[in-house]
Amino acid sequence: MLEIQKIRQDAQPFIDGLKNRNIKDAAEKIEQLLTLDQNRRDSITELEQLRNTMNQSSKSIGKLMKEGKKEEAEAVKSELASSKERIKDLEQEVQTIESSTYDLLTTLPNIPHPSVPLGKDASDNAVISQNDIQVTFNFTPKPHWDLALEHDIIDWKLGVKLTGSGFPVYKGKGAILQRALINFFLTKAREAGYTEIMPPLMINEASGFGTGQLPDKEGQMYEVQLDGFYLIPTAEVPITNLYREDILNQEDLPIKNCGYTPCFRREAGSYGKDVKGLNRLHQFDKVELVQVTLPDHSYDTLEKMTSYVESLLTALELPFRRLLLCTGDATFTSAKTYDLEVWSAGQEMWLEVSSVSNFETFQANRLKLRYRDENNKTQLLHTLNGSALALPRIVAALLENNQQADGSILIPEVLRPYTGFDRIGETI
């Protein structure tokens, strides 16, 4: 959530930032916020003055009565009664203004960092770098859904039978490969200094609001209506919310946590070729990284987190590229996001496998997540998160890029201690 204090200090960067996020009425919304803010401050000033006047007047009544000035004392009492009514009205007015301000702020996205390219959608994202791994075949490679069926390692029909479309069943070596990837990602995160967290898979409304998933404008979360809970769309939500309403010590920063969880997303409105097979699921596994940092350190942290995720892709011997998302493709909460995509040989397309984002104070303001500075004043922290990694498209790329002419699929060397086998399928 944007900070009204900063908007008050200099509104123009917020107007420009919202325009860059394709918010057409940005100037009007900021002007509305400033008007509400000024009205609130005026009301509070009048409220404080009235309370102070009432205190002084209350003290004078007893003195007037002692001096026998009964009529004057009664006049002061009448003024006090009138002031009490005005105070009651002002308190209600402040509450209404604060509610309106809050409601408006929750509709506004984060302001993009100056380095984020302008654009309307994913076609305007900038390719920052690409590694030099190439995958070539002397035969026509198959897509992962054909390979999975041939080797009986993923069953989509059983998933439909048990639940519905987008809930595949992993079997045999397919299930082992999933577990191997999870263990590999968690081991590497621990070696990089992250503390492993095993959070709940359901969250309350306060947690969903804290990281920006609620209000759920696009209807992407599964809701457990009877209890008012939501199935988590990513481990980012519960792990970041561990620190909701906390005031942290500087010496404890940065906080580096990781966690593996299943993730649940309705993916409402998804269609087209990119939803086939493992490309887009309603339930999938992911290892997530979360960091809480001092504001001055967050962009250095963003680069380090992104490089770390790239090191995982390098270890898996996958062709990948880094994209910087444009203003029109960044998420509601992000100030700057890098996407990492792997090449899918069987589909001949790039698949997103990780997003690494800096939210600056946007989440922290919702969470009331702060630290004490050198002057013992509380300041908002910066939060970041990144996928390290999401499994479905990693599995898709591994199957497609490592398929052999004899029909078998090689397992990357780095995963073999975790799988216990070096290939899926028998060699001819």
Protein backbone atom coordinates (compact mmCIF):
# COMPACT_ATOMS: atom_id res chain seq x y z
CA MET A 1 0.00 0.00 0.00
CA LEU A 2 1.28 3.44 -0.90
CA GLU A 3 2.33 5.75 1.94
CA ILE A 4 0.10 8.81 2.29
CA GLN A 5 2.91 10.69 4.06
CA LYS A 6 5.14 10.41 0.99
CA ILE A 7 2.32 11.38 -1.35
CA ARG A 8 1.74 14.46 0.81
CA GLN A 9 5.42 15.42 0.56
CA ASP A 10 5.63 15.11 -3.23
CA ALA A 11 2.63 13.89 -5.21
CA GLN A 12 4.05 14.13 -8.73
CA PRO A 13 6.19 10.95 -8.67
CA PHE A 14 3.11 9.00 -7.61
CA ILE A 15 0.98 10.51 -10.38
CA ASP A 16 3.68 9.72 -12.92
CA GLY A 17 4.21 6.21 -11.52
CA LEU A 18 0.52 5.36 -11.64
CA LYS A 19 0.26 6.68 -15.19
CA ASN A 20 3.17 4.41 -16.10
CA ARG A 21 1.15 1.54 -14.61
CA ASN A 22 -1.59 2.51 -17.09
CA ILE A 23 -3.86 4.03 -14.42
CA LYS A 24 -5.64 6.60 -16.60
CA ASP A 25 -7.18 8.69 -13.81
CA ALA A 26 -3.97 8.74 -11.74
CA ALA A 27 -3.95 12.52 -11.16
CA GLU A 28 -7.59 12.49 -10.04
CA LYS A 29 -7.01 9.64 -7.59
CA ILE A 30 -3.96 11.28 -6.06
CA GLU A 31 -5.81 14.61 -5.80
CA GLN A 32 -8.68 12.79 -4.09
CA LEU A 33 -6.23 11.25 -1.62
CA LEU A 34 -4.65 14.60 -0.88
CA THR A 35 -8.06 16.21 -0.33
CA LEU A 36 -9.07 13.44 2.05
CA ASP A 37 -5.74 13.75 3.84
CA GLN A 38 -6.09 17.52 4.26
CA ASN A 39 -9.67 17.16 5.49
CA ARG A 40 -8.54 14.57 8.02
CA ARG A 41 -5.74 16.77 9.29
CA ASP A 42 -8.06 19.81 9.54
CA SER A 43 -10.61 17.76 11.46
CA ILE A 44 -7.98 16.41 13.82
CA THR A 45 -6.64 19.93 14.43
CA GLU A 46 -10.12 21.19 15.29
CA LEU A 47 -10.71 18.13 17.43
CA GLU A 48 -7.55 18.69 19.44
CA GLN A 49 -8.34 22.38 19.89
CA LEU A 50 -11.85 21.60 21.12
CA ARG A 51 -10.58 19.00 23.57
CA ASN A 52 -8.02 21.42 24.91
CA THR A 53 -10.65 24.15 25.24
CA MET A 54 -12.98 21.73 27.01
CA ASN A 55 -10.30 20.81 29.52
CA GLN A 56 -9.68 24.42 30.33
CA SER A 57 -13.41 25.19 30.52
CA SER A 58 -14.08 22.21 32.79
CA LYS A 59 -11.50 23.52 35.23
CA SER A 60 -13.08 26.97 35.19
CA ILE A 61 -16.58 25.76 36.17
CA GLY A 62 -15.61 24.85 39.73
CA LYS A 63 -13.80 28.15 40.17
CA LEU A 64 -16.79 30.13 38.92
CA MET A 65 -19.14 28.28 41.26
CA LYS A 66 -16.87 29.00 44.23
CA GLU A 67 -16.87 32.64 43.29
CA GLY A 68 -20.68 32.63 43.18
CA LYS A 69 -20.81 33.21 39.44
CA LYS A 70 -23.48 30.63 38.83
CA GLU A 71 -24.85 32.10 35.61
CA GLU A 72 -21.38 32.23 34.06
CA ALA A 73 -20.75 28.66 35.19
CA GLU A 74 -24.02 27.51 33.57
CA ALA A 75 -23.04 29.28 30.34
CA VAL A 76 -19.73 27.42 30.30
CA LYS A 77 -21.60 24.13 30.89
CA SER A 78 -23.82 24.88 27.90
CA GLU A 79 -20.77 25.56 25.74
CA LEU A 80 -19.24 22.29 26.94
CA ALA A 81 -22.36 20.36 25.92
CA SER A 82 -22.21 21.94 22.48
CA SER A 83 -18.48 21.16 22.22
CA LYS A 84 -19.11 17.52 23.17
CA GLU A 85 -21.57 17.17 20.30
CA ARG A 86 -19.08 18.76 17.91
CA ILE A 87 -16.32 16.44 19.14
CA LYS A 88 -18.57 13.45 18.57
CA ASP A 89 -19.29 14.64 15.02
CA LEU A 90 -15.59 15.27 14.34
CA GLU A 91 -14.58 11.84 15.62
CA GLN A 92 -17.10 10.24 13.26
CA GLU A 93 -15.89 12.49 10.45
CA VAL A 94 -12.24 11.47 10.98
CA GLN A 95 -13.24 7.82 11.05
CA THR A 96 -15.17 8.17 7.76
CA ILE A 97 -12.30 10.03 6.09
CA GLU A 98 -9.76 7.43 7.23
CA SER A 99 -11.98 4.64 5.92
CA SER A 100 -12.35 6.38 2.54
CA THR A 101 -8.59 7.00 2.36
CA TYR A 102 -7.85 3.38 3.22
CA ASP A 103 -10.34 2.07 0.64
CA LEU A 104 -8.80 4.24 -2.09
CA LEU A 105 -5.22 3.34 -1.19
CA THR A 106 -6.00 -0.38 -1.40
CA THR A 107 -7.02 0.03 -5.05
CA LEU A 108 -3.73 1.62 -6.13
CA PRO A 109 -0.76 -0.51 -7.29
CA ASN A 110 2.85 -0.02 -6.31
CA ILE A 111 4.93 2.63 -8.06
CA PRO A 112 7.49 1.14 -10.48
CA HIS A 113 11.18 1.72 -9.88
CA PRO A 114 12.74 4.22 -12.34
CA SER A 115 14.70 1.38 -14.01
CA VAL A 116 11.52 -0.46 -15.00
CA PRO A 117 10.77 -0.07 -18.75
CA LEU A 118 7.50 1.48 -19.84
CA GLY A 119 5.04 -0.86 -21.52
CA LYS A 120 1.49 -2.12 -21.76
CA ASP A 121 1.92 -5.90 -21.54
CA ALA A 122 4.36 -8.83 -21.69
CA SER A 123 5.39 -7.95 -25.25
CA ASP A 124 7.16 -4.88 -23.85
CA ASN A 125 9.28 -6.79 -21.31
CA ALA A 126 13.04 -6.39 -21.75
CA VAL A 127 15.38 -9.36 -22.19
CA ILE A 128 18.32 -8.57 -19.94
CA SER A 129 20.50 -11.64 -20.43
CA GLN A 130 20.52 -15.20 -21.73
CA ASN A 131 22.88 -18.07 -20.98
CA ASP A 132 24.72 -19.93 -23.73
CA ILE A 133 23.28 -23.43 -23.19
CA GLN A 134 21.62 -24.72 -26.36
CA VAL A 135 19.55 -27.86 -26.88
CA THR A 136 19.71 -29.58 -30.27
CA PHE A 137 18.31 -32.87 -31.53
CA ASN A 138 18.76 -35.09 -34.59
CA PHE A 139 15.10 -36.07 -34.21
CA THR A 140 11.84 -34.25 -33.58
CA PRO A 141 11.53 -33.69 -29.81
CA LYS A 142 8.23 -34.44 -28.12
CA PRO A 143 6.32 -32.21 -25.71
CA HIS A 144 6.41 -33.23 -22.06
CA TRP A 145 2.78 -34.40 -21.95
CA ASP A 146 3.55 -37.09 -24.56
CA LEU A 147 6.76 -38.10 -22.77
CA ALA A 148 4.99 -38.29 -19.41
CA LEU A 149 2.27 -40.56 -20.79
CA GLU A 150 4.75 -42.81 -22.57
CA HIS A 151 6.72 -43.37 -19.36
CA ASP A 152 3.63 -43.39 -17.11
CA ILE A 153 5.05 -40.75 -14.74
CA ILE A 154 2.25 -38.12 -14.85
CA ASP A 155 -1.44 -38.92 -15.27
CA TRP A 156 -3.80 -36.08 -16.11
CA LYS A 157 -6.90 -38.28 -16.48
CA LEU A 158 -6.53 -39.58 -12.93
CA GLY A 159 -6.24 -35.99 -11.73
CA VAL A 160 -9.52 -35.13 -13.45
CA LYS A 161 -11.11 -38.22 -11.88
CA LEU A 162 -9.96 -37.25 -8.38
CA THR A 163 -10.43 -33.48 -8.56
CA GLY A 164 -10.59 -31.84 -11.96
CA SER A 165 -8.52 -30.33 -14.74
CA GLY A 166 -5.23 -28.83 -13.58
CA PHE A 167 -4.59 -31.36 -10.78
CA PRO A 168 -2.23 -34.00 -12.25
CA VAL A 169 -1.17 -37.18 -10.47
CA TYR A 170 2.59 -37.85 -10.37
CA LYS A 171 3.55 -41.52 -10.40
CA GLY A 172 6.71 -43.61 -9.92
CA LYS A 173 9.77 -41.79 -11.18
CA GLY A 174 7.64 -38.71 -11.84
CA ALA A 175 6.81 -38.46 -8.13
CA ILE A 176 10.43 -39.16 -7.20
CA LEU A 177 11.61 -36.42 -9.57
CA GLN A 178 9.26 -33.95 -7.88
CA ARG A 179 10.59 -34.84 -4.44
CA ALA A 180 14.18 -34.74 -5.70
CA LEU A 181 13.74 -31.21 -7.06
CA ILE A 182 12.16 -30.01 -3.81
CA ASN A 183 15.00 -31.47 -1.74
CA PHE A 184 17.63 -30.06 -4.10
CA PHE A 185 16.12 -26.56 -3.99
CA LEU A 186 15.77 -26.58 -0.19
CA THR A 187 19.31 -27.88 0.29
CA LYS A 188 20.76 -25.18 -1.93
CA ALA A 189 18.69 -22.49 -0.15
CA ARG A 190 19.95 -23.66 3.22
CA GLU A 191 23.53 -23.53 1.93
CA ALA A 192 22.84 -19.94 0.78
CA GLY A 193 21.88 -18.90 4.30
CA TYR A 194 18.10 -19.23 4.20
CA THR A 195 16.16 -20.61 7.17
CA GLU A 196 13.59 -23.23 6.18
CA ILE A 197 9.99 -22.57 7.18
CA MET A 198 7.08 -25.02 6.97
CA PRO A 199 4.00 -22.74 7.10
CA PRO A 200 0.27 -23.51 7.08
CA LEU A 201 -1.33 -24.04 3.66
CA MET A 202 -4.33 -21.88 4.58
CA ILE A 203 -4.29 -18.23 5.59
CA ASN A 204 -6.75 -15.79 7.14
CA GLU A 205 -7.94 -12.57 5.54
CA ALA A 206 -5.38 -10.40 7.35
CA SER A 207 -2.53 -12.45 5.88
CA GLY A 208 -3.97 -12.24 2.37
CA PHE A 209 -4.30 -8.48 2.68
CA GLY A 210 -0.83 -8.07 4.15
CA THR A 211 0.99 -9.30 1.05
CA GLY A 212 -1.50 -7.88 -1.46
CA GLN A 213 -3.47 -10.96 -2.50
CA LEU A 214 -6.64 -9.47 -1.00
CA PRO A 215 -8.80 -7.81 -2.14
CA ASP A 216 -8.71 -10.59 -4.77
CA LYS A 217 -9.69 -8.52 -7.79
CA GLU A 218 -9.08 -11.32 -10.29
CA GLY A 219 -10.62 -14.16 -8.30
CA GLN A 220 -7.47 -16.26 -8.29
CA MET A 221 -7.59 -17.60 -4.72
CA TYR A 222 -9.47 -20.65 -3.47
CA GLU A 223 -11.63 -19.70 -0.49
CA VAL A 224 -12.74 -21.94 2.36
CA GLN A 225 -15.91 -19.96 2.94
CA LEU A 226 -17.17 -21.69 6.07
CA ASP A 227 -14.04 -20.74 8.03
CA GLY A 228 -13.01 -17.57 6.21
CA PHE A 229 -9.66 -19.07 5.14
CA TYR A 230 -7.88 -19.09 1.78
CA LEU A 231 -5.62 -21.75 0.25
CA ILE A 232 -2.21 -20.17 -0.27
CA PRO A 233 -1.25 -19.17 -3.83
CA THR A 234 2.43 -19.20 -2.80
CA ALA A 235 4.54 -19.68 0.34
CA GLU A 236 5.39 -15.97 0.10
CA VAL A 237 2.09 -15.15 1.79
CA PRO A 238 2.41 -17.04 5.10
CA ILE A 239 6.19 -16.64 5.35
CA THR A 240 6.11 -12.85 4.88
CA ASN A 241 3.18 -12.59 7.28
CA LEU A 242 5.29 -14.16 10.03
CA TYR A 243 6.43 -10.58 10.70
CA ARG A 244 3.10 -8.78 10.42
CA GLU A 245 2.85 -5.94 12.98
CA ASP A 246 6.41 -6.60 14.19
CA ILE A 247 9.11 -4.04 14.95
CA LEU A 248 12.43 -5.72 14.14
CA ASN A 249 15.92 -4.97 15.39
CA GLN A 250 18.43 -3.77 12.79
CA GLU A 251 20.97 -6.34 13.95
CA ASP A 252 18.54 -9.12 13.00
CA LEU A 253 18.37 -7.97 9.37
CA PRO A 254 18.29 -9.16 6.71
CA ILE A 255 15.85 -11.97 7.40
CA LYS A 256 16.22 -14.79 4.88
CA ASN A 257 13.59 -17.51 4.84
CA CYS A 258 12.68 -20.25 2.39
CA GLY A 259 9.84 -22.72 2.29
CA TYR A 260 8.37 -25.51 0.24
CA THR A 261 4.59 -25.68 -0.13
CA PRO A 262 1.95 -26.80 -2.56
CA CYS A 263 0.39 -23.72 -4.16
CA PHE A 264 -3.23 -23.27 -5.21
CA ARG A 265 -4.48 -20.93 -7.94
CA ARG A 266 -7.78 -20.84 -9.76
CA GLU A 267 -6.11 -19.42 -12.90
CA ALA A 268 -9.45 -17.94 -13.90
CA GLY A 269 -9.55 -16.83 -17.52
CA SER A 270 -6.50 -18.87 -18.59
CA TYR A 271 -6.73 -20.38 -22.04
CA GLY A 272 -4.61 -21.23 -25.07
CA LYS A 273 -1.64 -23.46 -25.76
CA ASP A 274 0.29 -22.31 -22.69
CA VAL A 275 -2.19 -24.08 -20.38
CA LYS A 276 -1.55 -27.58 -21.76
CA GLY A 277 0.21 -30.26 -19.71
CA LEU A 278 2.22 -28.82 -16.82
CA ASN A 279 2.29 -25.30 -18.20
CA ARG A 280 -0.49 -23.96 -15.99
CA LEU A 281 -1.96 -25.86 -13.03
CA HIS A 282 -4.39 -25.22 -10.20
CA GLN A 283 -2.14 -27.07 -7.72
CA PHE A 284 1.63 -27.16 -8.01
CA ASP A 285 4.75 -27.38 -5.86
CA LYS A 286 7.17 -24.53 -5.31
CA VAL A 287 10.12 -23.54 -3.14
CA GLU A 288 9.96 -19.84 -2.28
CA LEU A 289 12.54 -17.36 -1.02
CA VAL A 290 11.54 -14.39 1.16
CA GLN A 291 13.78 -11.62 2.44
CA VAL A 292 13.11 -8.66 4.72
CA THR A 293 15.77 -5.96 4.42
CA LEU A 294 16.68 -2.39 5.23
CA PRO A 295 15.50 -0.02 2.47
CA ASP A 296 19.03 0.92 1.41
CA HIS A 297 19.91 -2.74 0.77
CA SER A 298 16.86 -4.03 -1.09
CA TYR A 299 17.94 -3.48 -4.69
CA ASP A 300 21.31 -5.09 -4.11
CA THR A 301 19.37 -7.95 -2.53
CA LEU A 302 17.11 -8.18 -5.59
CA GLU A 303 20.13 -8.68 -7.85
CA LYS A 304 21.66 -11.27 -5.53
CA MET A 305 18.41 -13.21 -5.23
CA THR A 306 17.97 -13.26 -9.01
CA SER A 307 21.55 -14.41 -9.55
CA TYR A 308 21.01 -17.16 -6.98
CA VAL A 309 17.95 -18.47 -8.85
CA GLU A 310 19.97 -18.38 -12.06
CA SER A 311 22.59 -20.55 -10.36
CA LEU A 312 19.93 -23.23 -9.80
CA LEU A 313 19.00 -23.19 -13.49
CA THR A 314 22.67 -23.40 -14.42
CA ALA A 315 23.10 -26.43 -12.13
CA LEU A 316 20.13 -28.08 -13.86
CA GLU A 317 21.81 -27.39 -17.22
CA LEU A 318 18.77 -25.56 -18.57
CA PRO A 319 18.81 -22.80 -21.19
CA PHE A 320 17.38 -19.69 -19.54
CA ARG A 321 16.98 -15.97 -19.95
CA ARG A 322 16.30 -13.07 -17.58
CA LEU A 323 13.51 -10.59 -18.32
CA LEU A 324 12.82 -7.24 -16.67
CA LEU A 325 9.06 -6.81 -16.54
CA CYS A 326 7.65 -3.58 -17.94
CA THR A 327 5.27 -1.30 -16.05
CA GLY A 328 2.21 -2.90 -17.65
CA ASP A 329 3.16 -6.50 -16.86
CA ALA A 330 4.41 -6.14 -13.28
CA THR A 331 2.19 -7.41 -10.50
CA PHE A 332 0.01 -5.11 -8.39
CA THR A 333 2.45 -5.16 -5.45
CA SER A 334 5.82 -5.09 -7.24
CA ALA A 335 8.18 -2.14 -7.66
CA LYS A 336 10.56 -4.17 -9.84
CA THR A 337 10.42 -7.77 -11.04
CA TYR A 338 12.76 -10.06 -12.92
CA ASP A 339 11.26 -13.12 -14.60
CA LEU A 340 13.41 -16.13 -15.40
CA GLU A 341 12.32 -18.29 -18.31
CA VAL A 342 13.62 -21.67 -19.49
CA TRP A 343 13.56 -22.96 -23.04
CA SER A 344 11.10 -25.77 -23.69
CA ALA A 345 12.48 -27.78 -26.62
CA GLY A 346 9.40 -29.92 -27.20
CA GLN A 347 7.09 -26.90 -27.32
CA GLU A 348 9.64 -24.51 -28.81
CA MET A 349 8.75 -21.73 -26.40
CA TRP A 350 10.03 -19.96 -23.30
CA LEU A 351 8.39 -20.92 -19.99
CA GLU A 352 8.42 -18.67 -16.93
CA VAL A 353 9.78 -20.58 -13.92
CA SER A 354 10.57 -17.79 -11.46
CA SER A 355 9.65 -14.23 -10.59
CA VAL A 356 11.92 -12.31 -8.23
CA SER A 357 10.43 -9.06 -6.94
CA ASN A 358 11.21 -6.09 -4.73
CA PHE A 359 8.05 -4.66 -3.17
CA GLU A 360 9.89 -1.85 -1.36
CA THR A 361 7.54 -0.67 1.44
CA PHE A 362 4.30 -1.63 -0.33
CA GLN A 363 3.76 -4.90 1.55
CA ALA A 364 5.43 -3.63 4.73
CA ASN A 365 2.94 -0.75 4.93
CA ARG A 366 0.04 -3.21 4.78
CA LEU A 367 1.79 -5.51 7.25
CA LYS A 368 2.91 -2.69 9.57
CA LEU A 369 6.35 -4.31 9.39
CA ARG A 370 8.94 -1.91 10.75
CA TYR A 371 12.35 -1.47 12.36
CA ARG A 372 13.86 1.10 14.72
CA ASP A 373 16.41 3.41 13.13
CA GLU A 374 19.42 5.07 14.79
CA ASN A 375 17.12 7.73 16.25
CA ASN A 376 14.84 5.08 17.75
CA LYS A 377 12.10 5.99 15.26
CA THR A 378 10.10 3.26 13.55
CA GLN A 379 10.52 2.99 9.77
CA LEU A 380 9.00 0.63 7.22
CA LEU A 381 11.16 -2.22 5.93
CA HIS A 382 11.45 -3.58 2.39
CA THR A 383 10.24 -7.06 1.45
CA LEU A 384 11.32 -9.27 -1.46
CA ASN A 385 10.44 -12.73 -2.69
CA GLY A 386 11.39 -15.10 -5.47
CA SER A 387 10.53 -18.55 -6.77
CA ALA A 388 13.44 -20.96 -6.33
CA LEU A 389 11.84 -22.70 -8.05
CA ALA A 390 8.32 -23.52 -9.29
CA LEU A 391 8.33 -27.17 -10.26
CA PRO A 392 5.83 -27.80 -13.10
CA ARG A 393 7.59 -25.94 -15.88
CA ILE A 394 11.00 -27.01 -14.58
CA VAL A 395 9.83 -30.63 -14.90
CA ALA A 396 8.42 -29.88 -18.36
CA ALA A 397 11.73 -28.41 -19.53
CA LEU A 398 13.79 -31.21 -17.96
CA LEU A 399 11.70 -33.88 -19.71
CA GLU A 400 11.70 -32.13 -23.06
CA ASN A 401 15.31 -30.92 -23.16
CA ASN A 402 16.81 -34.20 -21.92
CA GLN A 403 14.89 -36.67 -24.08
CA GLN A 404 17.07 -39.09 -26.03
CA ALA A 405 16.71 -40.67 -29.45
CA ASP A 406 16.06 -44.06 -27.80
CA GLY A 407 13.06 -42.64 -25.93
CA SER A 408 14.65 -42.39 -22.50
CA ILE A 409 15.07 -39.13 -20.53
CA LEU A 410 18.35 -38.28 -18.82
CA ILE A 411 18.37 -36.83 -15.32
CA PRO A 412 20.77 -33.89 -14.76
CA GLU A 413 23.83 -35.01 -12.84
CA VAL A 414 23.15 -32.63 -9.94
CA LEU A 415 19.80 -34.33 -9.29
CA ARG A 416 20.97 -37.94 -9.37
CA PRO A 417 21.94 -38.10 -5.67
CA TYR A 418 18.37 -37.06 -4.92
CA THR A 419 16.55 -39.30 -7.45
CA GLY A 420 18.70 -42.43 -7.10
CA PHE A 421 18.50 -42.98 -10.87
CA ASP A 422 20.10 -41.32 -13.87
CA ARG A 423 17.35 -41.70 -16.44
CA ILE A 424 13.65 -42.28 -16.95
CA GLY A 425 12.94 -45.17 -19.31
CA GLU A 426 15.18 -47.93 -20.51
CA THR A 427 17.89 -47.57 -23.13
CA ILE A 428 17.53 -49.61 -26.28
